[in-house]
Amino acid sequence: MTKWPAPIIRLYLGQVTPETLLSATDDLDARTKKRQVCEAHFFIGELALQHAAKDEAARLFRLVAEGCSAVGASLAIAELKTLGGQP
């Protein structure tokens, strides 16, 4: 369970830290790496929400909203609205 996106599952199982997940995004292809970083930020933000760390979740969702694909940005913006914040 090391190939992407398995590290995301391992994060939710408590087997890796957010920092380890971000390290797992490393890829030789810049576009792949950017996509994986965006996914990691989104799912780390979701985990932060589960632990009531709303400020950290909002920070991560803003990163996704500002620099990721339209789909990822839309999801992040929806979460920011739920939190009562602005994208």
N, C-alpha and C. Protein backbone atom coordinates (compact mmCIF):
# COMPACT_ATOMS: atom_id res chain seq x y z
N MET A 1 0.83 -1.20 0.00
CA MET A 1 0.00 0.00 0.00
C MET A 1 0.87 1.26 0.00
N THR A 2 1.73 1.35 -0.99
CA THR A 2 2.58 2.53 -1.09
C THR A 2 2.29 3.33 -2.34
N LYS A 3 1.73 2.69 -3.38
CA LYS A 3 1.45 3.39 -4.62
C LYS A 3 0.23 4.30 -4.45
N TRP A 4 0.32 5.51 -5.01
CA TRP A 4 -0.75 6.49 -4.91
C TRP A 4 -2.02 5.94 -5.51
N PRO A 5 -3.17 6.04 -4.87
CA PRO A 5 -3.56 6.85 -3.72
C PRO A 5 -3.60 6.10 -2.39
N ALA A 6 -2.98 4.91 -2.34
CA ALA A 6 -3.00 4.12 -1.10
C ALA A 6 -2.53 4.89 0.14
N PRO A 7 -1.54 5.79 0.03
CA PRO A 7 -1.14 6.54 1.23
C PRO A 7 -2.29 7.37 1.85
N ILE A 8 -3.26 7.77 1.03
CA ILE A 8 -4.42 8.49 1.59
C ILE A 8 -5.21 7.57 2.52
N ILE A 9 -5.40 6.35 2.09
CA ILE A 9 -6.11 5.37 2.92
C ILE A 9 -5.33 5.12 4.20
N ARG A 10 -4.01 5.01 4.06
CA ARG A 10 -3.17 4.78 5.24
C ARG A 10 -3.24 5.95 6.21
N LEU A 11 -3.42 7.16 5.70
CA LEU A 11 -3.59 8.33 6.57
C LEU A 11 -4.84 8.16 7.42
N TYR A 12 -5.94 7.79 6.79
CA TYR A 12 -7.20 7.63 7.51
C TYR A 12 -7.19 6.43 8.45
N LEU A 13 -6.34 5.46 8.20
CA LEU A 13 -6.19 4.32 9.10
C LEU A 13 -5.24 4.63 10.26
N GLY A 14 -4.64 5.82 10.22
CA GLY A 14 -3.71 6.21 11.28
C GLY A 14 -2.33 5.60 11.14
N GLN A 15 -2.02 5.10 9.95
CA GLN A 15 -0.73 4.44 9.73
C GLN A 15 0.36 5.40 9.29
N VAL A 16 -0.02 6.56 8.76
CA VAL A 16 0.95 7.56 8.36
C VAL A 16 0.47 8.93 8.82
N THR A 17 1.40 9.86 8.91
CA THR A 17 1.09 11.24 9.31
C THR A 17 0.80 12.07 8.05
N PRO A 18 0.21 13.24 8.23
CA PRO A 18 0.05 14.14 7.08
C PRO A 18 1.38 14.46 6.39
N GLU A 19 2.44 14.60 7.15
CA GLU A 19 3.75 14.88 6.57
C GLU A 19 4.22 13.72 5.69
N THR A 20 3.98 12.50 6.16
CA THR A 20 4.34 11.32 5.39
C THR A 20 3.52 11.24 4.11
N LEU A 21 2.24 11.59 4.22
CA LEU A 21 1.39 11.59 3.03
C LEU A 21 1.93 12.58 2.00
N LEU A 22 2.29 13.77 2.45
CA LEU A 22 2.84 14.76 1.52
C LEU A 22 4.14 14.26 0.89
N SER A 23 4.95 13.56 1.64
CA SER A 23 6.18 12.99 1.08
C SER A 23 5.88 11.96 0.01
N ALA A 24 4.76 11.27 0.15
CA ALA A 24 4.38 10.23 -0.80
C ALA A 24 3.91 10.80 -2.14
N THR A 25 3.72 12.12 -2.21
CA THR A 25 3.27 12.74 -3.45
C THR A 25 4.39 12.92 -4.46
N ASP A 26 5.61 12.66 -4.05
CA ASP A 26 6.76 12.88 -4.93
C ASP A 26 6.64 12.04 -6.19
N ASP A 27 6.82 12.67 -7.32
CA ASP A 27 6.74 12.00 -8.61
C ASP A 27 7.64 12.75 -9.60
N LEU A 28 8.22 12.03 -10.51
CA LEU A 28 9.09 12.66 -11.51
C LEU A 28 8.31 13.57 -12.45
N ASP A 29 7.07 13.22 -12.71
CA ASP A 29 6.23 14.04 -13.58
C ASP A 29 5.63 15.18 -12.76
N ALA A 30 5.92 16.41 -13.15
CA ALA A 30 5.48 17.59 -12.38
C ALA A 30 3.95 17.68 -12.29
N ARG A 31 3.25 17.34 -13.36
CA ARG A 31 1.78 17.41 -13.34
C ARG A 31 1.19 16.38 -12.38
N THR A 32 1.76 15.19 -12.39
CA THR A 32 1.30 14.14 -11.47
C THR A 32 1.55 14.56 -10.04
N LYS A 33 2.74 15.10 -9.78
CA LYS A 33 3.06 15.54 -8.42
C LYS A 33 2.10 16.63 -7.96
N LYS A 34 1.82 17.61 -8.82
CA LYS A 34 0.91 18.69 -8.44
C LYS A 34 -0.48 18.14 -8.11
N ARG A 35 -0.98 17.21 -8.93
CA ARG A 35 -2.29 16.62 -8.70
C ARG A 35 -2.32 15.88 -7.37
N GLN A 36 -1.26 15.14 -7.09
CA GLN A 36 -1.20 14.37 -5.85
C GLN A 36 -1.07 15.28 -4.64
N VAL A 37 -0.33 16.37 -4.75
CA VAL A 37 -0.23 17.34 -3.65
C VAL A 37 -1.60 17.94 -3.38
N CYS A 38 -2.32 18.28 -4.44
CA CYS A 38 -3.67 18.83 -4.27
C CYS A 38 -4.58 17.84 -3.56
N GLU A 39 -4.53 16.58 -3.99
CA GLU A 39 -5.35 15.55 -3.35
C GLU A 39 -4.95 15.38 -1.89
N ALA A 40 -3.65 15.38 -1.62
CA ALA A 40 -3.18 15.23 -0.24
C ALA A 40 -3.68 16.38 0.63
N HIS A 41 -3.55 17.61 0.14
CA HIS A 41 -4.03 18.76 0.92
C HIS A 41 -5.52 18.65 1.21
N PHE A 42 -6.29 18.24 0.20
CA PHE A 42 -7.73 18.13 0.41
C PHE A 42 -8.05 17.08 1.49
N PHE A 43 -7.46 15.90 1.37
CA PHE A 43 -7.78 14.84 2.32
C PHE A 43 -7.20 15.09 3.71
N ILE A 44 -6.07 15.77 3.79
CA ILE A 44 -5.55 16.17 5.11
C ILE A 44 -6.51 17.20 5.72
N GLY A 45 -7.05 18.08 4.89
CA GLY A 45 -8.05 19.04 5.36
C GLY A 45 -9.29 18.36 5.89
N GLU A 46 -9.75 17.33 5.18
CA GLU A 46 -10.91 16.57 5.64
C GLU A 46 -10.63 15.90 6.98
N LEU A 47 -9.42 15.36 7.13
CA LEU A 47 -9.06 14.73 8.40
C LEU A 47 -8.99 15.77 9.52
N ALA A 48 -8.48 16.95 9.19
CA ALA A 48 -8.44 18.03 10.18
C ALA A 48 -9.85 18.39 10.64
N LEU A 49 -10.80 18.40 9.71
CA LEU A 49 -12.20 18.66 10.09
C LEU A 49 -12.71 17.61 11.05
N GLN A 50 -12.37 16.36 10.81
CA GLN A 50 -12.81 15.28 11.69
C GLN A 50 -12.27 15.45 13.10
N HIS A 51 -11.13 16.13 13.21
CA HIS A 51 -10.52 16.36 14.52
C HIS A 51 -10.79 17.78 15.04
N ALA A 52 -11.79 18.43 14.46
CA ALA A 52 -12.23 19.76 14.88
C ALA A 52 -11.14 20.83 14.75
N ALA A 53 -10.20 20.63 13.85
CA ALA A 53 -9.15 21.62 13.59
C ALA A 53 -9.58 22.46 12.40
N LYS A 54 -10.59 23.29 12.63
CA LYS A 54 -11.23 24.04 11.53
C LYS A 54 -10.29 25.03 10.86
N ASP A 55 -9.44 25.69 11.62
CA ASP A 55 -8.52 26.66 11.01
C ASP A 55 -7.53 25.98 10.07
N GLU A 56 -7.00 24.85 10.51
CA GLU A 56 -6.07 24.10 9.66
C GLU A 56 -6.79 23.57 8.43
N ALA A 57 -8.00 23.06 8.61
CA ALA A 57 -8.78 22.57 7.47
C ALA A 57 -9.03 23.69 6.47
N ALA A 58 -9.41 24.85 6.96
CA ALA A 58 -9.68 25.99 6.07
C ALA A 58 -8.42 26.40 5.33
N ARG A 59 -7.27 26.39 6.00
CA ARG A 59 -6.00 26.73 5.36
C ARG A 59 -5.71 25.78 4.20
N LEU A 60 -5.90 24.50 4.44
CA LEU A 60 -5.64 23.50 3.41
C LEU A 60 -6.63 23.60 2.27
N PHE A 61 -7.90 23.82 2.59
CA PHE A 61 -8.90 23.96 1.53
C PHE A 61 -8.62 25.19 0.67
N ARG A 62 -8.11 26.26 1.28
CA ARG A 62 -7.75 27.45 0.50
C ARG A 62 -6.60 27.14 -0.47
N LEU A 63 -5.63 26.36 -0.02
CA LEU A 63 -4.54 25.96 -0.91
C LEU A 63 -5.09 25.22 -2.13
N VAL A 64 -6.02 24.32 -1.88
CA VAL A 64 -6.62 23.55 -2.97
C VAL A 64 -7.45 24.46 -3.88
N ALA A 65 -8.25 25.34 -3.27
CA ALA A 65 -9.11 26.23 -4.04
C ALA A 65 -8.31 27.16 -4.93
N GLU A 66 -7.14 27.57 -4.47
CA GLU A 66 -6.34 28.54 -5.21
C GLU A 66 -5.43 27.93 -6.26
N GLY A 67 -5.04 26.67 -6.09
CA GLY A 67 -4.01 26.17 -6.98
C GLY A 67 -4.25 24.82 -7.62
N CYS A 68 -5.47 24.31 -7.54
CA CYS A 68 -5.70 22.96 -8.05
C CYS A 68 -6.73 22.94 -9.16
N SER A 69 -6.99 21.76 -9.66
CA SER A 69 -7.93 21.59 -10.78
C SER A 69 -9.31 22.11 -10.41
N ALA A 70 -10.13 22.29 -11.42
CA ALA A 70 -11.49 22.80 -11.21
C ALA A 70 -12.29 21.90 -10.28
N VAL A 71 -12.14 20.60 -10.43
CA VAL A 71 -12.88 19.67 -9.58
C VAL A 71 -12.43 19.79 -8.13
N GLY A 72 -11.13 19.73 -7.92
CA GLY A 72 -10.59 19.86 -6.56
C GLY A 72 -10.93 21.20 -5.94
N ALA A 73 -10.81 22.24 -6.73
CA ALA A 73 -11.12 23.58 -6.23
C ALA A 73 -12.59 23.68 -5.86
N SER A 74 -13.46 23.09 -6.65
CA SER A 74 -14.90 23.14 -6.35
C SER A 74 -15.21 22.45 -5.03
N LEU A 75 -14.59 21.30 -4.81
CA LEU A 75 -14.79 20.59 -3.54
C LEU A 75 -14.27 21.40 -2.36
N ALA A 76 -13.11 21.99 -2.53
CA ALA A 76 -12.51 22.79 -1.46
C ALA A 76 -13.36 24.02 -1.16
N ILE A 77 -13.87 24.68 -2.20
CA ILE A 77 -14.72 25.85 -2.01
C ILE A 77 -15.99 25.47 -1.28
N ALA A 78 -16.56 24.32 -1.61
CA ALA A 78 -17.76 23.85 -0.91
C ALA A 78 -17.47 23.64 0.57
N GLU A 79 -16.32 23.08 0.87
CA GLU A 79 -15.97 22.87 2.29
C GLU A 79 -15.74 24.20 3.00
N LEU A 80 -15.12 25.15 2.32
CA LEU A 80 -14.91 26.47 2.92
C LEU A 80 -16.25 27.15 3.21
N LYS A 81 -17.19 27.02 2.30
CA LYS A 81 -18.52 27.59 2.53
C LYS A 81 -19.19 26.93 3.73
N THR A 82 -19.03 25.63 3.86
CA THR A 82 -19.58 24.91 5.00
C THR A 82 -18.99 25.44 6.31
N LEU A 83 -17.71 25.78 6.26
CA LEU A 83 -17.03 26.31 7.44
C LEU A 83 -17.37 27.77 7.70
N GLY A 84 -18.09 28.38 6.74
CA GLY A 84 -18.47 29.78 6.92
C GLY A 84 -17.41 30.75 6.47
N GLY A 85 -16.41 30.23 5.77
CA GLY A 85 -15.32 31.10 5.32
C GLY A 85 -15.44 31.44 3.86
N GLN A 86 -14.57 32.32 3.44
CA GLN A 86 -14.51 32.72 2.05
C GLN A 86 -13.37 31.95 1.36
N PRO A 87 -13.59 31.53 0.13
CA PRO A 87 -12.51 30.86 -0.62
C PRO A 87 -11.37 31.80 -0.95
